[in-house]
Amino acid sequence: MAILWEEYHTIHTHGYGYLRFCDLLRGLQRRPSPTMRQDHVAGDNVLVDYSGKQVGIIDARTGVIRQAKIFVGVLGVPGFTFAEASWTQSLPDWIGSYCASSGFLAASRA
């Protein structure tokens, strides 16, 4: 902890003293982890969602770049992943991507 406090203190010269820093750090270490563990039976669960990232797709004729959304489906235990770009996150696009991911992941399990 001393090395960590020294690094902290070089940046925050008027910050917490060593003892208070150690108390606060111990308090953080006692807090429960914010991650959630889930047990999955192999091939039982498919997790799907839009990634939140976008990818630029260039129209070859016009040179215009449009942003596409990335749909991702993951079959957790074997680690199979499906990804597909769609123009929107509308219900028709979501259903189309979901059906495509279901077909791909079902075929990969066979």
PDB file of N, CA and C in Angstrom:
ATOM      1  N   MET A   1       0.816  -1.188   0.000  1.00  0.00           N
ATOM      2  CA  MET A   1       0.000   0.000   0.000  1.00  0.00           C
ATOM      3  C   MET A   1       0.859   1.252   0.000  1.00  0.00           C
ATOM      4  N   ALA A   2       2.047   1.152   0.560  1.00  0.00           N
ATOM      5  CA  ALA A   2       2.920   2.321   0.653  1.00  0.00           C
ATOM      6  C   ALA A   2       3.295   2.830  -0.735  1.00  0.00           C
ATOM      7  N   ILE A   3       3.586   1.913  -1.654  1.00  0.00           N
ATOM      8  CA  ILE A   3       3.967   2.338  -3.004  1.00  0.00           C
ATOM      9  C   ILE A   3       2.785   3.000  -3.702  1.00  0.00           C
ATOM     10  N   LEU A   4       1.607   2.435  -3.535  1.00  0.00           N
ATOM     11  CA  LEU A   4       0.413   3.013  -4.132  1.00  0.00           C
ATOM     12  C   LEU A   4       0.152   4.408  -3.573  1.00  0.00           C
ATOM     13  N   TRP A   5       0.297   4.574  -2.252  1.00  0.00           N
ATOM     14  CA  TRP A   5       0.100   5.894  -1.642  1.00  0.00           C
ATOM     15  C   TRP A   5       1.146   6.890  -2.153  1.00  0.00           C
ATOM     16  N   GLU A   6       2.380   6.444  -2.307  1.00  0.00           N
ATOM     17  CA  GLU A   6       3.424   7.342  -2.811  1.00  0.00           C
ATOM     18  C   GLU A   6       3.101   7.823  -4.215  1.00  0.00           C
ATOM     19  N   GLU A   7       2.605   6.923  -5.065  1.00  0.00           N
ATOM     20  CA  GLU A   7       2.192   7.332  -6.413  1.00  0.00           C
ATOM     21  C   GLU A   7       1.034   8.322  -6.342  1.00  0.00           C
ATOM     22  N   TYR A   8       0.074   8.045  -5.472  1.00  0.00           N
ATOM     23  CA  TYR A   8      -1.064   8.949  -5.274  1.00  0.00           C
ATOM     24  C   TYR A   8      -0.586  10.309  -4.775  1.00  0.00           C
ATOM     25  N   HIS A   9       0.314  10.279  -3.807  1.00  0.00           N
ATOM     26  CA  HIS A   9       0.771  11.518  -3.169  1.00  0.00           C
ATOM     27  C   HIS A   9       1.601  12.391  -4.119  1.00  0.00           C
ATOM     28  N   THR A  10       2.315  11.784  -5.061  1.00  0.00           N
ATOM     29  CA  THR A  10       3.074  12.604  -6.014  1.00  0.00           C
ATOM     30  C   THR A  10       2.141  13.395  -6.929  1.00  0.00           C
ATOM     31  N   ILE A  11       0.964  12.856  -7.202  1.00  0.00           N
ATOM     32  CA  ILE A  11      -0.013  13.557  -8.042  1.00  0.00           C
ATOM     33  C   ILE A  11      -0.873  14.503  -7.207  1.00  0.00           C
ATOM     34  N   HIS A  12      -1.271  14.062  -6.022  1.00  0.00           N
ATOM     35  CA  HIS A  12      -2.162  14.838  -5.146  1.00  0.00           C
ATOM     36  C   HIS A  12      -1.401  15.208  -3.870  1.00  0.00           C
ATOM     37  N   THR A  13      -0.538  16.180  -3.973  1.00  0.00           N
ATOM     38  CA  THR A  13       0.336  16.527  -2.838  1.00  0.00           C
ATOM     39  C   THR A  13      -0.437  16.989  -1.613  1.00  0.00           C
ATOM     40  N   HIS A  14      -1.624  17.543  -1.795  1.00  0.00           N
ATOM     41  CA  HIS A  14      -2.433  17.995  -0.655  1.00  0.00           C
ATOM     42  C   HIS A  14      -3.599  17.040  -0.397  1.00  0.00           C
ATOM     43  N   GLY A  15      -3.477  15.814  -0.885  1.00  0.00           N
ATOM     44  CA  GLY A  15      -4.541  14.822  -0.739  1.00  0.00           C
ATOM     45  C   GLY A  15      -4.499  14.137   0.617  1.00  0.00           C
ATOM     46  N   TYR A  16      -5.041  12.939   0.672  1.00  0.00           N
ATOM     47  CA  TYR A  16      -5.128  12.179   1.914  1.00  0.00           C
ATOM     48  C   TYR A  16      -3.747  11.813   2.446  1.00  0.00           C
ATOM     49  N   GLY A  17      -3.644  11.789   3.778  1.00  0.00           N
ATOM     50  CA  GLY A  17      -2.443  11.273   4.413  1.00  0.00           C
ATOM     51  C   GLY A  17      -2.418   9.758   4.277  1.00  0.00           C
ATOM     52  N   TYR A  18      -1.285   9.164   4.626  1.00  0.00           N
ATOM     53  CA  TYR A  18      -1.092   7.733   4.430  1.00  0.00           C
ATOM     54  C   TYR A  18      -2.133   6.896   5.171  1.00  0.00           C
ATOM     55  N   LEU A  19      -2.393   7.196   6.456  1.00  0.00           N
ATOM     56  CA  LEU A  19      -3.331   6.372   7.233  1.00  0.00           C
ATOM     57  C   LEU A  19      -4.754   6.469   6.682  1.00  0.00           C
ATOM     58  N   ARG A  20      -5.191   7.682   6.332  1.00  0.00           N
ATOM     59  CA  ARG A  20      -6.544   7.846   5.790  1.00  0.00           C
ATOM     60  C   ARG A  20      -6.656   7.145   4.421  1.00  0.00           C
ATOM     61  N   PHE A  21      -5.610   7.264   3.619  1.00  0.00           N
ATOM     62  CA  PHE A  21      -5.576   6.596   2.315  1.00  0.00           C
ATOM     63  C   PHE A  21      -5.724   5.089   2.495  1.00  0.00           C
ATOM     64  N   CYS A  22      -4.995   4.513   3.447  1.00  0.00           N
ATOM     65  CA  CYS A  22      -5.074   3.072   3.712  1.00  0.00           C
ATOM     66  C   CYS A  22      -6.462   2.667   4.182  1.00  0.00           C
ATOM     67  N   ASP A  23      -7.082   3.471   5.066  1.00  0.00           N
ATOM     68  CA  ASP A  23      -8.446   3.177   5.530  1.00  0.00           C
ATOM     69  C   ASP A  23      -9.431   3.159   4.356  1.00  0.00           C
ATOM     70  N   LEU A  24      -9.338   4.159   3.483  1.00  0.00           N
ATOM     71  CA  LEU A  24     -10.247   4.226   2.340  1.00  0.00           C
ATOM     72  C   LEU A  24     -10.020   3.064   1.374  1.00  0.00           C
ATOM     73  N   LEU A  25      -8.763   2.712   1.161  1.00  0.00           N
ATOM     74  CA  LEU A  25      -8.452   1.601   0.264  1.00  0.00           C
ATOM     75  C   LEU A  25      -8.968   0.282   0.828  1.00  0.00           C
ATOM     76  N   ARG A  26      -8.814   0.075   2.121  1.00  0.00           N
ATOM     77  CA  ARG A  26      -9.352  -1.155   2.742  1.00  0.00           C
ATOM     78  C   ARG A  26     -10.866  -1.213   2.621  1.00  0.00           C
ATOM     79  N   GLY A  27     -11.515  -0.056   2.749  1.00  0.00           N
ATOM     80  CA  GLY A  27     -12.968  -0.001   2.577  1.00  0.00           C
ATOM     81  C   GLY A  27     -13.388  -0.413   1.178  1.00  0.00           C
ATOM     82  N   LEU A  28     -12.622   0.011   0.186  1.00  0.00           N
ATOM     83  CA  LEU A  28     -12.920  -0.388  -1.193  1.00  0.00           C
ATOM     84  C   LEU A  28     -12.695  -1.872  -1.409  1.00  0.00           C
ATOM     85  N   GLN A  29     -11.691  -2.419  -0.770  1.00  0.00           N
ATOM     86  CA  GLN A  29     -11.385  -3.833  -0.933  1.00  0.00           C
ATOM     87  C   GLN A  29     -12.451  -4.727  -0.304  1.00  0.00           C
ATOM     88  N   ARG A  30     -13.163  -4.217   0.699  1.00  0.00           N
ATOM     89  CA  ARG A  30     -14.204  -5.010   1.371  1.00  0.00           C
ATOM     90  C   ARG A  30     -15.526  -4.980   0.615  1.00  0.00           C
ATOM     91  N   ARG A  31     -15.678  -4.052  -0.316  1.00  0.00           N
ATOM     92  CA  ARG A  31     -16.930  -3.953  -1.056  1.00  0.00           C
ATOM     93  C   ARG A  31     -17.089  -5.160  -1.977  1.00  0.00           C
ATOM     94  N   PRO A  32     -18.328  -5.595  -2.171  1.00  0.00           N
ATOM     95  CA  PRO A  32     -18.532  -6.735  -3.074  1.00  0.00           C
ATOM     96  C   PRO A  32     -18.183  -6.353  -4.512  1.00  0.00           C
ATOM     97  N   SER A  33     -17.792  -7.328  -5.267  1.00  0.00           N
ATOM     98  CA  SER A  33     -17.424  -7.119  -6.663  1.00  0.00           C
ATOM     99  C   SER A  33     -18.657  -6.707  -7.468  1.00  0.00           C
ATOM    100  N   PRO A  34     -18.518  -5.739  -8.377  1.00  0.00           N
ATOM    101  CA  PRO A  34     -19.676  -5.318  -9.176  1.00  0.00           C
ATOM    102  C   PRO A  34     -19.991  -6.271 -10.318  1.00  0.00           C
ATOM    103  N   THR A  35     -19.182  -7.302 -10.505  1.00  0.00           N
ATOM    104  CA  THR A  35     -19.438  -8.246 -11.582  1.00  0.00           C
ATOM    105  C   THR A  35     -20.419  -9.313 -11.130  1.00  0.00           C
ATOM    106  N   MET A  36     -21.117  -9.878 -12.077  1.00  0.00           N
ATOM    107  CA  MET A  36     -22.104 -10.902 -11.757  1.00  0.00           C
ATOM    108  C   MET A  36     -21.688 -12.196 -12.446  1.00  0.00           C
ATOM    109  N   ARG A  37     -21.497 -13.215 -11.677  1.00  0.00           N
ATOM    110  CA  ARG A  37     -21.155 -14.533 -12.225  1.00  0.00           C
ATOM    111  C   ARG A  37     -22.439 -15.258 -12.597  1.00  0.00           C
ATOM    112  N   GLN A  38     -22.424 -15.864 -13.749  1.00  0.00           N
ATOM    113  CA  GLN A  38     -23.553 -16.669 -14.181  1.00  0.00           C
ATOM    114  C   GLN A  38     -23.032 -18.025 -14.638  1.00  0.00           C
ATOM    115  N   ASP A  39     -23.699 -19.067 -14.194  1.00  0.00           N
ATOM    116  CA  ASP A  39     -23.351 -20.407 -14.644  1.00  0.00           C
ATOM    117  C   ASP A  39     -24.210 -20.740 -15.855  1.00  0.00           C
ATOM    118  N   HIS A  40     -23.579 -21.228 -16.908  1.00  0.00           N
ATOM    119  CA  HIS A  40     -24.294 -21.569 -18.127  1.00  0.00           C
ATOM    120  C   HIS A  40     -24.069 -23.037 -18.461  1.00  0.00           C
ATOM    121  N   VAL A  41     -25.137 -23.703 -18.807  1.00  0.00           N
ATOM    122  CA  VAL A  41     -25.041 -25.060 -19.320  1.00  0.00           C
ATOM    123  C   VAL A  41     -24.641 -24.932 -20.792  1.00  0.00           C
ATOM    124  N   ALA A  42     -23.720 -25.749 -21.239  1.00  0.00           N
ATOM    125  CA  ALA A  42     -23.216 -25.655 -22.610  1.00  0.00           C
ATOM    126  C   ALA A  42     -24.362 -25.675 -23.624  1.00  0.00           C
ATOM    127  N   GLY A  43     -24.401 -24.656 -24.472  1.00  0.00           N
ATOM    128  CA  GLY A  43     -25.398 -24.579 -25.527  1.00  0.00           C
ATOM    129  C   GLY A  43     -26.782 -24.190 -25.075  1.00  0.00           C
ATOM    130  N   ASP A  44     -26.957 -23.813 -23.812  1.00  0.00           N
ATOM    131  CA  ASP A  44     -28.278 -23.542 -23.263  1.00  0.00           C
ATOM    132  C   ASP A  44     -28.738 -22.104 -23.477  1.00  0.00           C
ATOM    133  N   ASN A  45     -27.835 -21.133 -23.374  1.00  0.00           N
ATOM    134  CA  ASN A  45     -28.206 -19.721 -23.440  1.00  0.00           C
ATOM    135  C   ASN A  45     -27.509 -19.012 -24.585  1.00  0.00           C
ATOM    136  N   VAL A  46     -28.278 -18.200 -25.290  1.00  0.00           N
ATOM    137  CA  VAL A  46     -27.723 -17.309 -26.304  1.00  0.00           C
ATOM    138  C   VAL A  46     -27.965 -15.889 -25.816  1.00  0.00           C
ATOM    139  N   LEU A  47     -26.906 -15.101 -25.760  1.00  0.00           N
ATOM    140  CA  LEU A  47     -27.007 -13.713 -25.333  1.00  0.00           C
ATOM    141  C   LEU A  47     -26.922 -12.838 -26.570  1.00  0.00           C
ATOM    142  N   VAL A  48     -27.899 -11.944 -26.755  1.00  0.00           N
ATOM    143  CA  VAL A  48     -27.944 -11.100 -27.944  1.00  0.00           C
ATOM    144  C   VAL A  48     -28.178  -9.648 -27.557  1.00  0.00           C
ATOM    145  N   ASP A  49     -27.584  -8.745 -28.330  1.00  0.00           N
ATOM    146  CA  ASP A  49     -27.802  -7.311 -28.136  1.00  0.00           C
ATOM    147  C   ASP A  49     -27.032  -6.554 -29.205  1.00  0.00           C
ATOM    148  N   TYR A  50     -27.314  -5.281 -29.326  1.00  0.00           N
ATOM    149  CA  TYR A  50     -26.476  -4.417 -30.149  1.00  0.00           C
ATOM    150  C   TYR A  50     -25.268  -4.021 -29.319  1.00  0.00           C
ATOM    151  N   SER A  51     -24.122  -3.940 -29.965  1.00  0.00           N
ATOM    152  CA  SER A  51     -22.872  -3.718 -29.236  1.00  0.00           C
ATOM    153  C   SER A  51     -22.719  -2.295 -28.727  1.00  0.00           C
ATOM    154  N   GLY A  52     -23.415  -1.338 -29.316  1.00  0.00           N
ATOM    155  CA  GLY A  52     -23.207   0.059 -28.962  1.00  0.00           C
ATOM    156  C   GLY A  52     -22.163   0.715 -29.855  1.00  0.00           C
ATOM    157  N   LYS A  53     -21.418  -0.091 -30.570  1.00  0.00           N
ATOM    158  CA  LYS A  53     -20.428   0.417 -31.528  1.00  0.00           C
ATOM    159  C   LYS A  53     -21.087   0.517 -32.902  1.00  0.00           C
ATOM    160  N   GLN A  54     -20.507   1.357 -33.737  1.00  0.00           N
ATOM    161  CA  GLN A  54     -20.968   1.473 -35.108  1.00  0.00           C
ATOM    162  C   GLN A  54     -19.788   1.286 -36.039  1.00  0.00           C
ATOM    163  N   VAL A  55     -20.098   0.924 -37.271  1.00  0.00           N
ATOM    164  CA  VAL A  55     -19.056   0.739 -38.274  1.00  0.00           C
ATOM    165  C   VAL A  55     -19.464   1.533 -39.517  1.00  0.00           C
ATOM    166  N   GLY A  56     -18.500   2.222 -40.099  1.00  0.00           N
ATOM    167  CA  GLY A  56     -18.773   2.970 -41.314  1.00  0.00           C
ATOM    168  C   GLY A  56     -18.737   2.052 -42.525  1.00  0.00           C
ATOM    169  N   ILE A  57     -19.765   2.149 -43.369  1.00  0.00           N
ATOM    170  CA  ILE A  57     -19.830   1.360 -44.596  1.00  0.00           C
ATOM    171  C   ILE A  57     -19.875   2.340 -45.765  1.00  0.00           C
ATOM    172  N   ILE A  58     -18.951   2.157 -46.695  1.00  0.00           N
ATOM    173  CA  ILE A  58     -18.814   3.076 -47.820  1.00  0.00           C
ATOM    174  C   ILE A  58     -19.616   2.563 -49.011  1.00  0.00           C
ATOM    175  N   ASP A  59     -20.471   3.422 -49.549  1.00  0.00           N
ATOM    176  CA  ASP A  59     -21.201   3.101 -50.775  1.00  0.00           C
ATOM    177  C   ASP A  59     -20.203   3.195 -51.931  1.00  0.00           C
ATOM    178  N   ALA A  60     -19.997   2.099 -52.654  1.00  0.00           N
ATOM    179  CA  ALA A  60     -18.990   2.048 -53.718  1.00  0.00           C
ATOM    180  C   ALA A  60     -19.295   3.018 -54.859  1.00  0.00           C
ATOM    181  N   ARG A  61     -20.575   3.288 -55.114  1.00  0.00           N
ATOM    182  CA  ARG A  61     -20.937   4.186 -56.215  1.00  0.00           C
ATOM    183  C   ARG A  61     -20.791   5.653 -55.841  1.00  0.00           C
ATOM    184  N   THR A  62     -21.257   6.013 -54.637  1.00  0.00           N
ATOM    185  CA  THR A  62     -21.288   7.436 -54.280  1.00  0.00           C
ATOM    186  C   THR A  62     -20.141   7.865 -53.372  1.00  0.00           C
ATOM    187  N   GLY A  63     -19.528   6.909 -52.679  1.00  0.00           N
ATOM    188  CA  GLY A  63     -18.470   7.252 -51.729  1.00  0.00           C
ATOM    189  C   GLY A  63     -18.999   7.732 -50.393  1.00  0.00           C
ATOM    190  N   VAL A  64     -20.320   7.760 -50.234  1.00  0.00           N
ATOM    191  CA  VAL A  64     -20.945   8.190 -48.980  1.00  0.00           C
ATOM    192  C   VAL A  64     -20.745   7.122 -47.920  1.00  0.00           C
ATOM    193  N   ILE A  65     -20.388   7.569 -46.726  1.00  0.00           N
ATOM    194  CA  ILE A  65     -20.189   6.647 -45.601  1.00  0.00           C
ATOM    195  C   ILE A  65     -21.425   6.687 -44.717  1.00  0.00           C
ATOM    196  N   ARG A  66     -22.030   5.525 -44.503  1.00  0.00           N
ATOM    197  CA  ARG A  66     -23.173   5.402 -43.574  1.00  0.00           C
ATOM    198  C   ARG A  66     -22.742   4.585 -42.380  1.00  0.00           C
ATOM    199  N   GLN A  67     -23.274   4.933 -41.223  1.00  0.00           N
ATOM    200  CA  GLN A  67     -22.960   4.220 -39.989  1.00  0.00           C
ATOM    201  C   GLN A  67     -23.961   3.082 -39.787  1.00  0.00           C
ATOM    202  N   ALA A  68     -23.441   1.890 -39.611  1.00  0.00           N
ATOM    203  CA  ALA A  68     -24.279   0.717 -39.362  1.00  0.00           C
ATOM    204  C   ALA A  68     -24.112   0.285 -37.913  1.00  0.00           C
ATOM    205  N   LYS A  69     -25.189  -0.255 -37.359  1.00  0.00           N
ATOM    206  CA  LYS A  69     -25.183  -0.782 -35.990  1.00  0.00           C
ATOM    207  C   LYS A  69     -24.702  -2.223 -36.023  1.00  0.00           C
ATOM    208  N   ILE A  70     -24.079  -2.665 -34.937  1.00  0.00           N
ATOM    209  CA  ILE A  70     -23.546  -4.026 -34.873  1.00  0.00           C
ATOM    210  C   ILE A  70     -24.362  -4.863 -33.889  1.00  0.00           C
ATOM    211  N   PHE A  71     -25.022  -5.882 -34.423  1.00  0.00           N
ATOM    212  CA  PHE A  71     -25.784  -6.842 -33.621  1.00  0.00           C
ATOM    213  C   PHE A  71     -24.857  -8.011 -33.308  1.00  0.00           C
ATOM    214  N   VAL A  72     -24.868  -8.454 -32.049  1.00  0.00           N
ATOM    215  CA  VAL A  72     -23.985  -9.548 -31.631  1.00  0.00           C
ATOM    216  C   VAL A  72     -24.809 -10.606 -30.910  1.00  0.00           C
ATOM    217  N   GLY A  73     -24.558 -11.855 -31.251  1.00  0.00           N
ATOM    218  CA  GLY A  73     -25.146 -12.991 -30.551  1.00  0.00           C
ATOM    219  C   GLY A  73     -24.022 -13.919 -30.110  1.00  0.00           C
ATOM    220  N   VAL A  74     -24.064 -14.351 -28.859  1.00  0.00           N
ATOM    221  CA  VAL A  74     -22.994 -15.192 -28.317  1.00  0.00           C
ATOM    222  C   VAL A  74     -23.598 -16.416 -27.653  1.00  0.00           C
ATOM    223  N   LEU A  75     -23.105 -17.559 -28.037  1.00  0.00           N
ATOM    224  CA  LEU A  75     -23.437 -18.809 -27.357  1.00  0.00           C
ATOM    225  C   LEU A  75     -22.320 -19.004 -26.346  1.00  0.00           C
ATOM    226  N   GLY A  76     -22.604 -18.627 -25.092  1.00  0.00           N
ATOM    227  CA  GLY A  76     -21.577 -18.429 -24.083  1.00  0.00           C
ATOM    228  C   GLY A  76     -20.565 -19.531 -23.869  1.00  0.00           C
ATOM    229  N   VAL A  77     -21.009 -20.728 -23.558  1.00  0.00           N
ATOM    230  CA  VAL A  77     -20.073 -21.755 -23.121  1.00  0.00           C
ATOM    231  C   VAL A  77     -19.102 -22.193 -24.218  1.00  0.00           C
ATOM    232  N   PRO A  78     -19.549 -22.547 -25.424  1.00  0.00           N
ATOM    233  CA  PRO A  78     -18.532 -22.898 -26.412  1.00  0.00           C
ATOM    234  C   PRO A  78     -17.832 -21.675 -26.995  1.00  0.00           C
ATOM    235  N   GLY A  79     -18.382 -20.468 -26.752  1.00  0.00           N
ATOM    236  CA  GLY A  79     -17.731 -19.256 -27.217  1.00  0.00           C
ATOM    237  C   GLY A  79     -17.995 -18.926 -28.672  1.00  0.00           C
ATOM    238  N   PHE A  80     -19.067 -19.432 -29.259  1.00  0.00           N
ATOM    239  CA  PHE A  80     -19.406 -19.091 -30.636  1.00  0.00           C
ATOM    240  C   PHE A  80     -20.007 -17.691 -30.674  1.00  0.00           C
ATOM    241  N   THR A  81     -19.584 -16.901 -31.643  1.00  0.00           N
ATOM    242  CA  THR A  81     -20.047 -15.518 -31.745  1.00  0.00           C
ATOM    243  C   THR A  81     -20.557 -15.238 -33.150  1.00  0.00           C
ATOM    244  N   PHE A  82     -21.670 -14.521 -33.219  1.00  0.00           N
ATOM    245  CA  PHE A  82     -22.259 -14.081 -34.473  1.00  0.00           C
ATOM    246  C   PHE A  82     -22.328 -12.562 -34.429  1.00  0.00           C
ATOM    247  N   ALA A  83     -21.976 -11.898 -35.522  1.00  0.00           N
ATOM    248  CA  ALA A  83     -22.097 -10.444 -35.602  1.00  0.00           C
ATOM    249  C   ALA A  83     -22.646 -10.077 -36.973  1.00  0.00           C
ATOM    250  N   GLU A  84     -23.509  -9.060 -36.986  1.00  0.00           N
ATOM    251  CA  GLU A  84     -24.111  -8.615 -38.235  1.00  0.00           C
ATOM    252  C   GLU A  84     -24.356  -7.111 -38.148  1.00  0.00           C
ATOM    253  N   ALA A  85     -24.113  -6.412 -39.257  1.00  0.00           N
ATOM    254  CA  ALA A  85     -24.364  -4.975 -39.321  1.00  0.00           C
ATOM    255  C   ALA A  85     -25.761  -4.735 -39.875  1.00  0.00           C
ATOM    256  N   SER A  86     -26.461  -3.755 -39.307  1.00  0.00           N
ATOM    257  CA  SER A  86     -27.761  -3.329 -39.841  1.00  0.00           C
ATOM    258  C   SER A  86     -27.824  -1.808 -39.760  1.00  0.00           C
ATOM    259  N   TRP A  87     -28.674  -1.219 -40.585  1.00  0.00           N
ATOM    260  CA  TRP A  87     -28.714   0.242 -40.635  1.00  0.00           C
ATOM    261  C   TRP A  87     -29.339   0.854 -39.391  1.00  0.00           C
ATOM    262  N   THR A  88     -30.281   0.169 -38.783  1.00  0.00           N
ATOM    263  CA  THR A  88     -30.948   0.724 -37.599  1.00  0.00           C
ATOM    264  C   THR A  88     -31.050  -0.347 -36.522  1.00  0.00           C
ATOM    265  N   GLN A  89     -31.556   0.055 -35.379  1.00  0.00           N
ATOM    266  CA  GLN A  89     -31.866  -0.889 -34.306  1.00  0.00           C
ATOM    267  C   GLN A  89     -33.387  -1.054 -34.195  1.00  0.00           C
ATOM    268  N   SER A  90     -34.060  -0.844 -35.309  1.00  0.00           N
ATOM    269  CA  SER A  90     -35.515  -0.970 -35.323  1.00  0.00           C
ATOM    270  C   SER A  90     -35.915  -2.434 -35.134  1.00  0.00           C
ATOM    271  N   LEU A  91     -37.165  -2.635 -34.815  1.00  0.00           N
ATOM    272  CA  LEU A  91     -37.658  -3.992 -34.569  1.00  0.00           C
ATOM    273  C   LEU A  91     -37.461  -4.914 -35.778  1.00  0.00           C
ATOM    274  N   PRO A  92     -37.780  -4.478 -36.997  1.00  0.00           N
ATOM    275  CA  PRO A  92     -37.538  -5.380 -38.138  1.00  0.00           C
ATOM    276  C   PRO A  92     -36.060  -5.764 -38.287  1.00  0.00           C
ATOM    277  N   ASP A  93     -35.136  -4.811 -38.091  1.00  0.00           N
ATOM    278  CA  ASP A  93     -33.712  -5.131 -38.180  1.00  0.00           C
ATOM    279  C   ASP A  93     -33.301  -6.076 -37.054  1.00  0.00           C
ATOM    280  N   TRP A  94     -33.806  -5.835 -35.841  1.00  0.00           N
ATOM    281  CA  TRP A  94     -33.460  -6.684 -34.703  1.00  0.00           C
ATOM    282  C   TRP A  94     -33.947  -8.112 -34.945  1.00  0.00           C
ATOM    283  N   ILE A  95     -35.193  -8.242 -35.405  1.00  0.00           N
ATOM    284  CA  ILE A  95     -35.741  -9.583 -35.646  1.00  0.00           C
ATOM    285  C   ILE A  95     -34.955 -10.295 -36.746  1.00  0.00           C
ATOM    286  N   GLY A  96     -34.617  -9.582 -37.809  1.00  0.00           N
ATOM    287  CA  GLY A  96     -33.826 -10.184 -38.881  1.00  0.00           C
ATOM    288  C   GLY A  96     -32.468 -10.657 -38.390  1.00  0.00           C
ATOM    289  N   SER A  97     -31.796  -9.822 -37.602  1.00  0.00           N
ATOM    290  CA  SER A  97     -30.482 -10.210 -37.067  1.00  0.00           C
ATOM    291  C   SER A  97     -30.613 -11.358 -36.075  1.00  0.00           C
ATOM    292  N   TYR A  98     -31.671 -11.326 -35.263  1.00  0.00           N
ATOM    293  CA  TYR A  98     -31.887 -12.396 -34.290  1.00  0.00           C
ATOM    294  C   TYR A  98     -32.103 -13.730 -35.002  1.00  0.00           C
ATOM    295  N   CYS A  99     -32.928 -13.720 -36.048  1.00  0.00           N
ATOM    296  CA  CYS A  99     -33.181 -14.957 -36.806  1.00  0.00           C
ATOM    297  C   CYS A  99     -31.902 -15.462 -37.468  1.00  0.00           C
ATOM    298  N   ALA A 100     -31.115 -14.550 -38.023  1.00  0.00           N
ATOM    299  CA  ALA A 100     -29.858 -14.948 -38.659  1.00  0.00           C
ATOM    300  C   ALA A 100     -28.895 -15.532 -37.625  1.00  0.00           C
ATOM    301  N   SER A 101     -28.836 -14.897 -36.441  1.00  0.00           N
ATOM    302  CA  SER A 101     -27.937 -15.408 -35.392  1.00  0.00           C
ATOM    303  C   SER A 101     -28.407 -16.764 -34.892  1.00  0.00           C
ATOM    304  N   SER A 102     -29.711 -16.939 -34.766  1.00  0.00           N
ATOM    305  CA  SER A 102     -30.239 -18.226 -34.308  1.00  0.00           C
ATOM    306  C   SER A 102     -29.892 -19.340 -35.275  1.00  0.00           C
ATOM    307  N   GLY A 103     -30.030 -19.064 -36.580  1.00  0.00           N
ATOM    308  CA  GLY A 103     -29.684 -20.066 -37.581  1.00  0.00           C
ATOM    309  C   GLY A 103     -28.202 -20.397 -37.558  1.00  0.00           C
ATOM    310  N   PHE A 104     -27.367 -19.362 -37.447  1.00  0.00           N
ATOM    311  CA  PHE A 104     -25.915 -19.577 -37.410  1.00  0.00           C
ATOM    312  C   PHE A 104     -25.497 -20.366 -36.172  1.00  0.00           C
ATOM    313  N   LEU A 105     -25.995 -19.944 -35.010  1.00  0.00           N
ATOM    314  CA  LEU A 105     -25.585 -20.604 -33.775  1.00  0.00           C
ATOM    315  C   LEU A 105     -26.137 -22.011 -33.666  1.00  0.00           C
ATOM    316  N   ALA A 106     -27.350 -22.230 -34.193  1.00  0.00           N
ATOM    317  CA  ALA A 106     -27.916 -23.593 -34.188  1.00  0.00           C
ATOM    318  C   ALA A 106     -27.073 -24.502 -35.085  1.00  0.00           C
ATOM    319  N   ALA A 107     -26.655 -23.995 -36.223  1.00  0.00           N
ATOM    320  CA  ALA A 107     -25.828 -24.792 -37.136  1.00  0.00           C
ATOM    321  C   ALA A 107     -24.455 -25.073 -36.532  1.00  0.00           C
ATOM    322  N   SER A 108     -23.944 -24.118 -35.763  1.00  0.00           N
ATOM    323  CA  SER A 108     -22.612 -24.306 -35.166  1.00  0.00           C
ATOM    324  C   SER A 108     -22.634 -25.312 -34.027  1.00  0.00           C
ATOM    325  N   ARG A 109     -23.801 -25.542 -33.440  1.00  0.00           N
ATOM    326  CA  ARG A 109     -23.908 -26.523 -32.356  1.00  0.00           C
ATOM    327  C   ARG A 109     -24.032 -27.941 -32.887  1.00  0.00           C
ATOM    328  N   ALA A 110     -24.453 -28.070 -34.120  1.00  0.00           N
ATOM    329  CA  ALA A 110     -24.696 -29.403 -34.689  1.00  0.00           C
ATOM    330  C   ALA A 110     -23.431 -30.161 -34.949  1.00  0.00           C
TER     331      ALA A 110
END
